Amino acid sequence: MVTLQLRQLGVPPGHRVLFHDVSWQEFEAILEELGEKRTSRLAYINGTLEIRVPLPEHEKAKVIIGDLVKALLLSID
């Protein structure tokens, strides 16, 4: 078995990587190692871990939508 550090994995924007037979404990350890300030998105279901890196244009839209929601919530006060 070959073991790599997560930091050695490079996923280009707009792509994804799937890992099979991942335990929930391994998934939680990966989340902890990567931390909150990551550009990748992780999903886990039935032992399969998906690591996806969104395209930059998707991230811009996310920020704009978030700012709009914040402005709406502030206007309610």
Protein backbone atom coordinates (compact mmCIF):
# COMPACT_ATOMS: atom_id res chain seq x y z
CA MET A 1 0.00 0.00 0.00
CA VAL A 2 1.25 3.47 -0.90
CA THR A 3 0.56 6.33 1.50
CA LEU A 4 0.53 9.94 0.35
CA GLN A 5 -0.01 13.17 2.24
CA LEU A 6 -3.19 15.03 1.30
CA ARG A 7 -1.09 18.10 0.54
CA GLN A 8 0.56 16.10 -2.28
CA LEU A 9 -2.76 15.78 -4.09
CA GLY A 10 -3.41 18.44 -6.72
CA VAL A 11 -6.86 18.69 -8.27
CA PRO A 12 -7.23 21.27 -11.05
CA PRO A 13 -10.22 23.65 -10.87
CA GLY A 14 -13.31 22.13 -12.43
CA HIS A 15 -12.22 18.54 -11.70
CA ARG A 16 -12.86 15.92 -9.05
CA VAL A 17 -11.20 12.89 -7.52
CA LEU A 18 -13.03 9.89 -6.06
CA PHE A 19 -11.70 7.63 -3.29
CA HIS A 20 -13.49 4.39 -2.48
CA ASP A 21 -13.57 2.37 0.77
CA VAL A 22 -13.00 5.42 2.97
CA SER A 23 -14.24 5.06 6.56
CA TRP A 24 -16.14 7.82 8.34
CA GLN A 25 -13.21 8.19 10.75
CA GLU A 26 -10.82 8.68 7.82
CA PHE A 27 -13.18 11.26 6.32
CA GLU A 28 -13.28 13.20 9.60
CA ALA A 29 -9.47 13.08 9.84
CA ILE A 30 -9.19 14.42 6.27
CA LEU A 31 -11.57 17.28 7.07
CA GLU A 32 -9.52 18.14 10.14
CA GLU A 33 -6.22 17.99 8.25
CA LEU A 34 -7.46 20.20 5.40
CA GLY A 35 -9.05 22.72 7.76
CA GLU A 36 -11.80 25.25 7.16
CA LYS A 37 -9.91 27.55 4.76
CA ARG A 38 -9.72 25.19 1.79
CA THR A 39 -10.69 25.78 -1.82
CA SER A 40 -11.80 22.19 -2.36
CA ARG A 41 -15.25 20.80 -1.58
CA LEU A 42 -15.59 17.38 0.02
CA ALA A 43 -18.55 15.01 -0.06
CA TYR A 44 -18.87 11.59 1.57
CA ILE A 45 -21.49 8.90 1.00
CA ASN A 46 -21.41 5.15 1.62
CA GLY A 47 -17.62 4.94 1.85
CA THR A 48 -16.90 7.09 -1.21
CA LEU A 49 -15.10 10.39 -0.77
CA GLU A 50 -15.31 12.99 -3.52
CA ILE A 51 -12.91 15.93 -3.61
CA ARG A 52 -13.99 18.61 -6.05
CA VAL A 53 -12.39 21.95 -6.87
CA PRO A 54 -14.87 24.46 -8.28
CA LEU A 55 -14.02 26.79 -11.13
CA PRO A 56 -13.09 30.35 -10.08
CA GLU A 57 -16.20 31.79 -11.76
CA HIS A 58 -18.39 29.63 -9.51
CA GLU A 59 -16.63 30.98 -6.45
CA LYS A 60 -17.25 34.57 -7.57
CA ALA A 61 -20.98 33.87 -7.91
CA LYS A 62 -20.99 32.28 -4.44
CA VAL A 63 -19.45 35.42 -2.91
CA ILE A 64 -21.91 37.72 -4.69
CA ILE A 65 -24.90 35.66 -3.56
CA GLY A 66 -23.54 35.59 0.00
CA ASP A 67 -23.13 39.36 0.00
CA LEU A 68 -26.70 39.81 -1.28
CA VAL A 69 -28.08 37.59 1.47
CA LYS A 70 -26.10 39.54 4.10
CA ALA A 71 -27.42 42.85 2.74
CA LEU A 72 -31.00 41.55 2.81
CA LEU A 73 -30.63 40.33 6.38
CA LEU A 74 -29.15 43.65 7.49
CA SER A 75 -32.02 45.54 5.88
CA ILE A 76 -34.54 43.58 7.96
CA ASP A 77 -33.25 45.12 11.20
